[in-house]
């Protein structure tokens, strides 16, 4: 099969690494890709926002399957346009992608289908939102409706913080992480518990769970500082016991799949549920409609089965009798980011020592924001590298990942030094 991956981050490198290993893969392309993906696939300079150009490339190169990595093209309807051209694509339709594209849409769907989630209200005006916050008190969560690359959520510890977040989201000034005004915001109760990431492959009617994972959203050690797109992850998540996995499938995933099918927009692709595991059980924080980043990196390391048949089965509505096998090992990834991230940062700084780091037992390095310049690897984004490792447990995987990081020479980068701390504390009990 000729396969095209759309995207350029660490998630896409992990997918390319796994798909390239499939005996079903004849030729693998990635648009636009990065310096690491170029080791697995032929990178092509396609603008993935130009759907007509993507369709034309697929037709010219006889692409049998398109795997869409990021959320922006999914929410823009790239799968619909590929379908119209008769090209098989892994991912949801534009209508179904609203699960990620609109937080308000998802909250309303949860309410209508008794899916456990935090109490909420939707607002289009700052004054009404602030009045609600004052009535509810803090802590409270303020979310911009729409895509915000993981930066559109503020967990406010005080009413003043919540009001500042409301002003920031509605103003959309140059200092705002959103870059543009939110047309609506969702304000919801602050759930208390432990977060986990849950993934399920869906074919419109059937859903099968993937391995569990847990990520670290905050930029600083001890889960402090502003939210980011993710600073690291590990799998499996100890809190996701078999019983908890079943509850998530029964109470959250399957009611969502059934609701979308009933609405005439069956969900095909991967459904990524951000969860809070509370004393009352799992609660949905938000949905994403694509593989997570950096969770995909640890999932692909642990996936024993061939990924390609699973993607095809999801596209073709054939997951009913499908099964996936996983390695029992733990996997962990640490994100190396450019200094200043998630704020302003510099691109084009040289990274050395990657070959030496990759020699450590169990280590795999997935590139995110990199490019090749004058035979050197240079930074080309905020989150730049994913240093991943397998181990008998999370602690061993962590030790290997940080041993590899210590061999990388990149003065302009930084990482957290405590990825996996919750799981390791459990392992040591």
Protein backbone atom coordinates (compact mmCIF):
# COMPACT_ATOMS: atom_id res chain seq x y z
CA UNK A 1 0.00 0.00 0.00
CA UNK A 2 1.02 3.58 -0.63
CA UNK A 3 0.32 5.58 2.54
CA UNK A 4 0.41 9.32 3.21
CA UNK A 5 0.66 10.78 6.73
CA UNK A 6 -0.37 14.40 7.22
CA UNK A 7 1.51 16.35 9.91
CA UNK A 8 4.95 17.25 11.15
CA UNK A 9 5.16 16.56 14.88
CA UNK A 10 6.30 13.89 17.30
CA UNK A 11 2.97 12.11 16.97
CA UNK A 12 3.44 11.82 13.21
CA UNK A 13 7.03 10.58 13.62
CA UNK A 14 5.81 7.83 15.97
CA UNK A 15 3.05 6.88 13.52
CA UNK A 16 5.52 6.90 10.62
CA UNK A 17 7.93 4.69 12.59
CA UNK A 18 5.17 2.16 13.25
CA UNK A 19 3.56 2.29 9.79
CA UNK A 20 6.95 1.98 8.04
CA UNK A 21 7.48 -1.32 9.87
CA UNK A 22 4.26 -2.83 8.48
CA UNK A 23 4.65 -5.45 5.74
CA UNK A 24 1.57 -3.86 4.13
CA UNK A 25 3.42 -0.58 3.52
CA UNK A 26 4.92 -0.30 0.04
CA UNK A 27 5.69 3.42 -0.01
CA UNK A 28 5.29 5.91 2.84
CA UNK A 29 5.00 9.66 2.39
CA UNK A 30 4.59 12.41 4.97
CA UNK A 31 3.50 16.01 4.39
CA UNK A 32 5.25 18.14 5.42
CA UNK A 33 7.19 15.92 7.89
CA UNK A 34 10.34 16.82 9.81
CA UNK A 35 14.01 15.82 10.01
CA UNK A 36 13.25 12.65 11.96
CA UNK A 37 10.30 11.55 9.83
CA UNK A 38 12.59 11.82 6.79
CA UNK A 39 14.36 8.69 8.09
CA UNK A 40 11.11 6.70 7.78
CA UNK A 41 9.22 8.31 4.90
CA UNK A 42 9.59 10.56 1.89
CA UNK A 43 8.72 14.06 3.10
CA UNK A 44 6.79 16.18 0.62
CA UNK A 45 6.30 19.96 0.72
CA UNK A 46 2.51 19.94 0.66
CA UNK A 47 0.36 22.57 2.33
CA UNK A 48 -2.04 20.30 4.22
CA UNK A 49 -4.50 23.20 4.55
CA UNK A 50 -4.84 23.09 0.74
CA UNK A 51 -7.23 20.16 0.42
CA UNK A 52 -7.25 20.24 -3.37
CA UNK A 53 -3.44 19.92 -3.41
CA UNK A 54 -3.60 16.96 -1.00
CA UNK A 55 -6.23 15.22 -3.15
CA UNK A 56 -4.18 15.85 -6.31
CA UNK A 57 -1.04 14.41 -4.67
CA UNK A 58 -2.97 11.30 -3.60
CA UNK A 59 -4.31 10.78 -7.11
CA UNK A 60 -0.90 11.31 -8.75
CA UNK A 61 0.87 8.93 -6.34
CA UNK A 62 -1.88 6.31 -6.07
CA UNK A 63 -2.26 6.72 -2.32
CA UNK A 64 -4.29 3.90 -0.77
CA UNK A 65 -4.62 5.37 2.73
CA UNK A 66 -4.24 8.84 4.25
CA UNK A 67 -3.57 9.06 8.01
CA UNK A 68 -4.40 12.51 9.36
CA UNK A 69 -2.30 13.48 12.39
CA UNK A 70 -3.31 16.98 13.59
CA UNK A 71 -6.74 18.28 14.57
CA UNK A 72 -6.81 21.41 12.37
CA UNK A 73 -7.23 19.61 8.99
CA UNK A 74 -9.76 17.22 10.56
CA UNK A 75 -11.90 20.09 11.82
CA UNK A 76 -11.54 21.74 8.39
CA UNK A 77 -13.04 18.68 6.66
CA UNK A 78 -10.00 17.07 5.01
CA UNK A 79 -11.49 13.57 5.43
CA UNK A 80 -14.75 14.64 3.75
CA UNK A 81 -12.82 16.00 0.76
CA UNK A 82 -10.68 12.87 0.46
CA UNK A 83 -13.79 10.67 0.71
CA UNK A 84 -15.45 12.61 -2.11
CA UNK A 85 -12.40 11.88 -4.26
CA UNK A 86 -12.60 8.16 -3.45
CA UNK A 87 -9.48 8.18 -1.25
CA UNK A 88 -9.54 6.20 2.00
CA UNK A 89 -8.68 8.41 4.99
CA UNK A 90 -8.31 7.63 8.69
CA UNK A 91 -10.07 10.25 10.78
CA UNK A 92 -13.54 11.65 11.48
CA UNK A 93 -15.73 13.80 9.25
CA UNK A 94 -15.87 17.55 9.77
CA UNK A 95 -19.20 17.19 11.58
CA UNK A 96 -17.93 14.50 13.96
CA UNK A 97 -14.67 16.42 14.52
CA UNK A 98 -16.72 19.04 16.37
CA UNK A 99 -16.11 16.86 19.42
CA UNK A 100 -12.73 18.59 19.51
CA UNK A 101 -13.52 21.70 17.49
CA UNK A 102 -16.22 22.92 19.88
CA UNK A 103 -16.08 22.40 23.63
CA UNK A 104 -19.65 23.68 23.92
CA UNK A 105 -20.89 21.11 21.39
CA UNK A 106 -19.25 18.29 23.36
CA UNK A 107 -20.59 19.49 26.71
CA UNK A 108 -24.12 19.66 25.27
CA UNK A 109 -23.74 16.16 23.81
CA UNK A 110 -22.64 14.87 27.24
CA UNK A 111 -25.62 16.48 28.94
CA UNK A 112 -28.06 15.03 26.39
CA UNK A 113 -26.63 11.52 26.72
CA UNK A 114 -25.90 11.33 30.46
CA UNK A 115 -22.13 11.14 29.90
CA UNK A 116 -20.34 12.07 33.16
CA UNK A 117 -18.64 15.47 32.90
CA UNK A 118 -18.24 18.65 34.98
CA UNK A 119 -21.20 21.02 35.40
CA UNK A 120 -20.87 23.94 32.97
CA UNK A 121 -22.35 26.97 31.23
CA UNK A 122 -21.57 28.58 27.85
CA UNK A 123 -21.01 32.33 27.38
CA UNK A 124 -20.59 34.75 24.47
CA UNK A 125 -20.13 37.89 26.59
CA UNK A 126 -17.49 38.64 29.22
CA UNK A 127 -19.89 40.38 31.64
CA UNK A 128 -22.21 37.36 31.83
CA UNK A 129 -19.25 34.99 32.24
CA UNK A 130 -17.78 37.06 35.09
CA UNK A 131 -21.13 37.23 36.88
CA UNK A 132 -21.36 33.43 36.70
CA UNK A 133 -17.82 33.03 38.08
CA UNK A 134 -18.62 35.32 41.00
CA UNK A 135 -21.70 33.25 41.82
CA UNK A 136 -19.85 29.93 41.55
CA UNK A 137 -16.59 30.89 43.22
CA UNK A 138 -13.15 29.33 42.69
CA UNK A 139 -11.39 27.11 41.79
CA UNK A 140 -13.10 27.08 38.42
CA UNK A 141 -12.12 26.20 34.83
CA UNK A 142 -12.32 28.62 31.89
CA UNK A 143 -12.09 27.20 28.35
CA UNK A 144 -12.06 28.90 24.98
CA UNK A 145 -14.39 27.20 22.53
CA UNK A 146 -12.48 26.05 19.47
CA UNK A 147 -8.99 24.79 18.75
CA UNK A 148 -6.22 26.27 20.88
CA UNK A 149 -3.31 23.79 20.63
CA UNK A 150 -3.65 22.83 24.27
CA UNK A 151 -3.41 26.46 25.45
CA UNK A 152 -7.09 27.42 25.64
CA UNK A 153 -7.77 26.19 29.19
CA UNK A 154 -7.17 28.07 32.43
CA UNK A 155 -7.70 26.38 35.79
CA UNK A 156 -8.30 29.46 37.91
CA UNK A 157 -7.51 29.24 41.63
CA UNK A 158 -9.27 32.54 42.38
CA UNK A 159 -12.18 34.53 40.99
CA UNK A 160 -9.69 37.24 39.91
CA UNK A 161 -7.71 34.67 37.88
CA UNK A 162 -10.90 33.46 36.23
CA UNK A 163 -11.92 37.02 35.32
CA UNK A 164 -8.46 37.66 33.84
CA UNK A 165 -8.77 34.47 31.80
CA UNK A 166 -12.18 35.56 30.51
CA UNK A 167 -10.76 38.94 29.42
CA UNK A 168 -7.76 37.25 27.79
CA UNK A 169 -9.90 34.81 25.80
CA UNK A 170 -12.42 37.34 24.57
CA UNK A 171 -9.78 39.97 23.72
CA UNK A 172 -7.43 37.70 21.77
CA UNK A 173 -4.70 40.35 21.84
CA UNK A 174 -1.14 39.71 20.70
CA UNK A 175 -0.09 38.51 24.17
CA UNK A 176 -2.88 35.94 24.28
CA UNK A 177 -1.83 32.31 23.75
CA UNK A 178 -4.93 31.95 21.55
CA UNK A 179 -3.78 34.57 19.03
CA UNK A 180 -7.40 35.50 18.24
CA UNK A 181 -10.58 36.22 20.22
CA UNK A 182 -12.71 33.29 21.34
CA UNK A 183 -16.24 33.52 19.95
CA UNK A 184 -17.55 31.61 22.98
CA UNK A 185 -16.18 30.29 26.24
CA UNK A 186 -17.20 27.40 28.46
CA UNK A 187 -16.93 27.74 32.23
CA UNK A 188 -17.09 24.55 34.23
CA UNK A 189 -16.68 23.17 37.72
CA UNK A 190 -13.16 22.15 38.71
CA UNK A 191 -13.00 18.37 38.98
CA UNK A 192 -10.80 16.82 41.65
CA UNK A 193 -8.91 13.59 40.98
CA UNK A 194 -6.19 12.20 38.76
CA UNK A 195 -6.04 12.83 35.02
CA UNK A 196 -5.63 10.06 32.46
CA UNK A 197 -5.67 9.76 28.67
CA UNK A 198 -7.92 7.10 27.13
CA UNK A 199 -7.89 6.15 23.45
CA UNK A 200 -10.38 4.08 21.48
CA UNK A 201 -10.38 3.13 17.80
CA UNK A 202 -13.84 3.65 16.32
CA UNK A 203 -15.42 2.53 13.04
CA UNK A 204 -18.71 4.41 13.37
CA UNK A 205 -20.43 1.68 15.38
CA UNK A 206 -17.83 -0.37 17.24
CA UNK A 207 -15.04 0.94 19.48
CA UNK A 208 -12.04 -0.94 20.84
CA UNK A 209 -9.82 0.47 23.60
CA UNK A 210 -6.13 1.12 23.09
CA UNK A 211 -3.56 1.10 25.90
CA UNK A 212 -3.94 3.75 28.60
CA UNK A 213 -1.53 6.65 29.08
CA UNK A 214 -0.98 9.63 31.34
CA UNK A 215 0.54 12.91 30.24
CA UNK A 216 2.04 15.93 31.98
CA UNK A 217 0.45 19.12 30.67
CA UNK A 218 2.18 21.71 32.91
CA UNK A 219 5.50 23.15 31.84
CA UNK A 220 7.30 22.82 35.18
CA UNK A 221 8.41 20.06 37.53
CA UNK A 222 5.79 19.04 40.06
CA UNK A 223 3.08 19.81 37.48
CA UNK A 224 3.47 23.57 37.98
CA UNK A 225 3.29 26.53 35.61
CA UNK A 226 1.11 27.10 32.54
CA UNK A 227 -0.51 24.35 30.48
CA UNK A 228 1.30 23.23 27.33
CA UNK A 229 0.62 20.81 24.50
CA UNK A 230 2.26 18.18 26.73
CA UNK A 231 5.72 17.85 28.32
CA UNK A 232 5.84 14.06 28.61
CA UNK A 233 3.77 10.91 28.99
CA UNK A 234 3.90 7.28 30.06
CA UNK A 235 1.94 4.09 29.50
CA UNK A 236 0.26 2.21 31.06
CA UNK A 237 -1.46 4.59 33.50
CA UNK A 238 -1.66 2.71 36.84
CA UNK A 239 -4.96 4.38 37.74
CA UNK A 240 -6.60 2.85 34.64
CA UNK A 241 -7.37 -0.60 36.02
CA UNK A 242 -9.31 -3.11 33.88
CA UNK A 243 -12.48 -2.20 35.81
CA UNK A 244 -11.91 1.54 35.23
CA UNK A 245 -11.22 0.93 31.51
CA UNK A 246 -14.54 -0.89 31.24
CA UNK A 247 -16.39 1.94 32.97
CA UNK A 248 -14.89 4.45 30.53
CA UNK A 249 -16.00 2.34 27.58
CA UNK A 250 -19.51 1.80 28.99
CA UNK A 251 -20.18 5.27 30.42
CA UNK A 252 -18.27 7.60 28.08
CA UNK A 253 -16.98 6.13 24.80
CA UNK A 254 -19.90 3.94 23.66
CA UNK A 255 -22.63 6.50 24.52
CA UNK A 256 -20.68 9.02 22.41
CA UNK A 257 -20.30 6.62 19.48
CA UNK A 258 -24.02 5.77 19.62
CA UNK A 259 -25.04 9.44 19.84
CA UNK A 260 -23.01 10.42 16.77
CA UNK A 261 -24.31 7.46 14.76
CA UNK A 262 -27.88 8.41 15.70
CA UNK A 263 -27.17 12.00 14.60
CA UNK A 264 -26.09 10.74 11.16
CA UNK A 265 -22.40 11.52 11.64
CA UNK A 266 -20.78 8.22 12.68
CA UNK A 267 -17.36 8.69 14.26
CA UNK A 268 -14.51 6.91 12.48
CA UNK A 269 -10.94 7.32 13.67
CA UNK A 270 -9.43 7.53 17.13
CA UNK A 271 -11.40 9.03 19.98
CA UNK A 272 -9.11 10.48 22.65
CA UNK A 273 -10.85 11.12 25.95
CA UNK A 274 -9.11 13.35 28.48
CA UNK A 275 -10.40 12.02 31.79
CA UNK A 276 -10.46 12.97 35.45
CA UNK A 277 -10.68 9.89 37.66
CA UNK A 278 -12.67 11.13 40.67
CA UNK A 279 -13.99 9.42 43.78
CA UNK A 280 -17.25 8.94 41.85
CA UNK A 281 -15.53 7.38 38.84
CA UNK A 282 -14.39 8.66 35.42
CA UNK A 283 -15.47 12.10 34.21
CA UNK A 284 -14.86 13.47 30.73
CA UNK A 285 -12.74 16.62 30.70
CA UNK A 286 -12.63 16.94 26.92
CA UNK A 287 -12.47 14.99 23.68
CA UNK A 288 -9.80 15.08 21.00
CA UNK A 289 -10.50 13.46 17.64
CA UNK A 290 -6.99 12.27 16.79
CA UNK A 291 -4.05 10.53 18.37
CA UNK A 292 -2.60 12.46 21.32
CA UNK A 293 0.80 14.08 21.40
CA UNK A 294 2.94 12.99 23.29
CA UNK A 295 0.79 9.94 24.21
CA UNK A 296 1.05 8.41 20.72
CA UNK A 297 4.80 8.11 21.15
CA UNK A 298 4.45 5.76 24.15
CA UNK A 299 1.49 3.87 22.64
CA UNK A 300 3.38 3.08 19.44
CA UNK A 301 6.36 1.77 21.44
CA UNK A 302 4.07 -0.62 23.33
CA UNK A 303 1.90 -1.74 20.37
CA UNK A 304 2.83 -5.29 19.38
CA UNK A 305 0.27 -5.60 16.57
CA UNK A 306 0.60 -4.14 13.08
CA UNK A 307 -1.05 -0.71 13.13
CA UNK A 308 -2.02 -0.55 9.45
CA UNK A 309 -4.75 -3.26 9.47
CA UNK A 310 -6.30 -1.57 12.52
CA UNK A 311 -6.47 1.78 10.73
CA UNK A 312 -8.04 0.17 7.67
CA UNK A 313 -10.58 -1.72 9.80
CA UNK A 314 -11.62 1.56 11.43
CA UNK A 315 -12.12 3.16 8.01
CA UNK A 316 -14.06 0.18 6.68
CA UNK A 317 -16.33 -0.48 9.67
CA UNK A 318 -14.65 -3.80 10.45
CA UNK A 319 -13.51 -3.43 14.07
CA UNK A 320 -16.16 -5.77 15.50
CA UNK A 321 -13.93 -8.85 15.51
CA UNK A 322 -10.63 -6.95 15.75
CA UNK A 323 -8.10 -7.27 18.54
CA UNK A 324 -4.81 -5.55 19.32
CA UNK A 325 -1.87 -6.93 21.33
CA UNK A 326 0.44 -4.87 23.55
CA UNK A 327 3.87 -5.40 25.04
CA UNK A 328 3.73 -5.62 28.85
CA UNK A 329 6.67 -3.20 29.18
CA UNK A 330 6.15 0.37 30.33
CA UNK A 331 6.97 3.24 27.97
CA UNK A 332 7.83 6.84 28.85
CA UNK A 333 8.57 9.92 26.77
CA UNK A 334 10.13 13.23 27.80
CA UNK A 335 9.53 16.30 25.63
CA UNK A 336 12.52 18.56 25.00
CA UNK A 337 11.28 22.05 24.21
CA UNK A 338 12.86 25.33 23.15
CA UNK A 339 13.59 27.70 26.06
CA UNK A 340 10.68 30.08 26.47
CA UNK A 341 7.98 27.56 25.47
CA UNK A 342 4.96 27.79 25.85
CA UNK A 343 5.68 31.49 25.41
CA UNK A 344 7.99 32.99 22.76
CA UNK A 345 11.05 30.98 21.77
CA UNK A 346 13.86 30.98 19.21
CA UNK A 347 14.04 28.66 16.20
CA UNK A 348 17.12 27.48 14.32
CA UNK A 349 19.33 26.47 17.24
CA UNK A 350 21.65 23.47 16.66
CA UNK A 351 21.03 20.13 18.40
CA UNK A 352 23.89 17.63 18.78
CA UNK A 353 24.37 14.23 20.41
CA UNK A 354 21.23 12.55 19.07
CA UNK A 355 23.08 9.50 17.71
CA UNK A 356 24.80 8.87 21.06
CA UNK A 357 21.48 9.26 22.91
CA UNK A 358 19.75 6.76 20.62
CA UNK A 359 22.37 4.10 21.46
CA UNK A 360 21.04 3.67 25.00
CA UNK A 361 19.15 0.42 25.47
CA UNK A 362 15.40 0.75 24.93
CA UNK A 363 15.55 4.35 23.68
CA UNK A 364 13.78 5.72 20.60
CA UNK A 365 13.89 9.40 19.64
CA UNK A 366 10.95 10.94 17.81
CA UNK A 367 11.38 14.38 16.28
CA UNK A 368 8.73 17.09 16.58
CA UNK A 369 9.87 20.63 15.71
CA UNK A 370 13.09 19.89 13.82
CA UNK A 371 14.54 20.40 10.37
CA UNK A 372 17.85 19.66 8.66
CA UNK A 373 20.03 22.65 7.81
CA UNK A 374 23.61 22.41 6.50
CA UNK A 375 23.80 18.75 7.59
CA UNK A 376 22.82 19.70 11.16
CA UNK A 377 19.57 19.11 13.06
CA UNK A 378 18.11 22.43 14.18
CA UNK A 379 15.05 23.38 16.21
CA UNK A 380 11.96 24.45 14.29
CA UNK A 381 9.22 24.73 16.91
CA UNK A 382 8.30 24.89 20.57
CA UNK A 383 8.20 21.20 21.38
CA UNK A 384 11.20 19.86 19.51
CA UNK A 385 12.14 16.29 20.52
CA UNK A 386 10.52 13.29 22.22
CA UNK A 387 13.04 11.13 24.07
CA UNK A 388 11.25 7.81 24.55
CA UNK A 389 12.20 4.60 26.33
CA UNK A 390 10.83 1.18 27.19
CA UNK A 391 11.47 -0.51 30.54
CA UNK A 392 10.27 -3.31 32.80
CA UNK A 393 8.47 -0.57 34.75
CA UNK A 394 8.01 3.19 34.55
CA UNK A 395 11.04 3.84 36.75
CA UNK A 396 13.39 1.94 34.43
CA UNK A 397 11.88 3.63 31.36
CA UNK A 398 12.38 7.01 33.05
CA UNK A 399 16.02 6.27 33.93
CA UNK A 400 16.76 5.30 30.31
CA UNK A 401 15.04 8.37 28.86
CA UNK A 402 16.93 10.80 31.11
CA UNK A 403 20.23 8.98 30.50
CA UNK A 404 19.64 9.63 26.78
CA UNK A 405 18.74 13.28 27.40
CA UNK A 406 22.02 13.76 29.26
CA UNK A 407 23.88 12.86 26.05
CA UNK A 408 22.06 15.50 23.98
CA UNK A 409 23.85 18.83 23.57
CA UNK A 410 21.27 21.55 23.11
CA UNK A 411 21.89 24.60 25.35
CA UNK A 412 18.76 26.30 23.99
CA UNK A 413 16.43 23.49 25.07
CA UNK A 414 14.93 22.31 28.35
CA UNK A 415 12.79 19.50 29.72
CA UNK A 416 11.01 18.50 32.88
CA UNK A 417 12.97 16.14 35.12
CA UNK A 418 10.07 14.35 36.80
CA UNK A 419 8.02 12.75 34.03
CA UNK A 420 6.24 9.68 35.39
CA UNK A 421 6.55 10.67 39.07
CA UNK A 422 3.04 9.53 40.02
CA UNK A 423 3.48 6.07 38.54
CA UNK A 424 6.94 5.67 40.08
CA UNK A 425 5.61 6.61 43.51
CA UNK A 426 3.01 3.84 43.13
CA UNK A 427 5.67 1.35 42.01
CA UNK A 428 7.71 2.09 45.15
CA UNK A 429 4.83 1.55 47.59
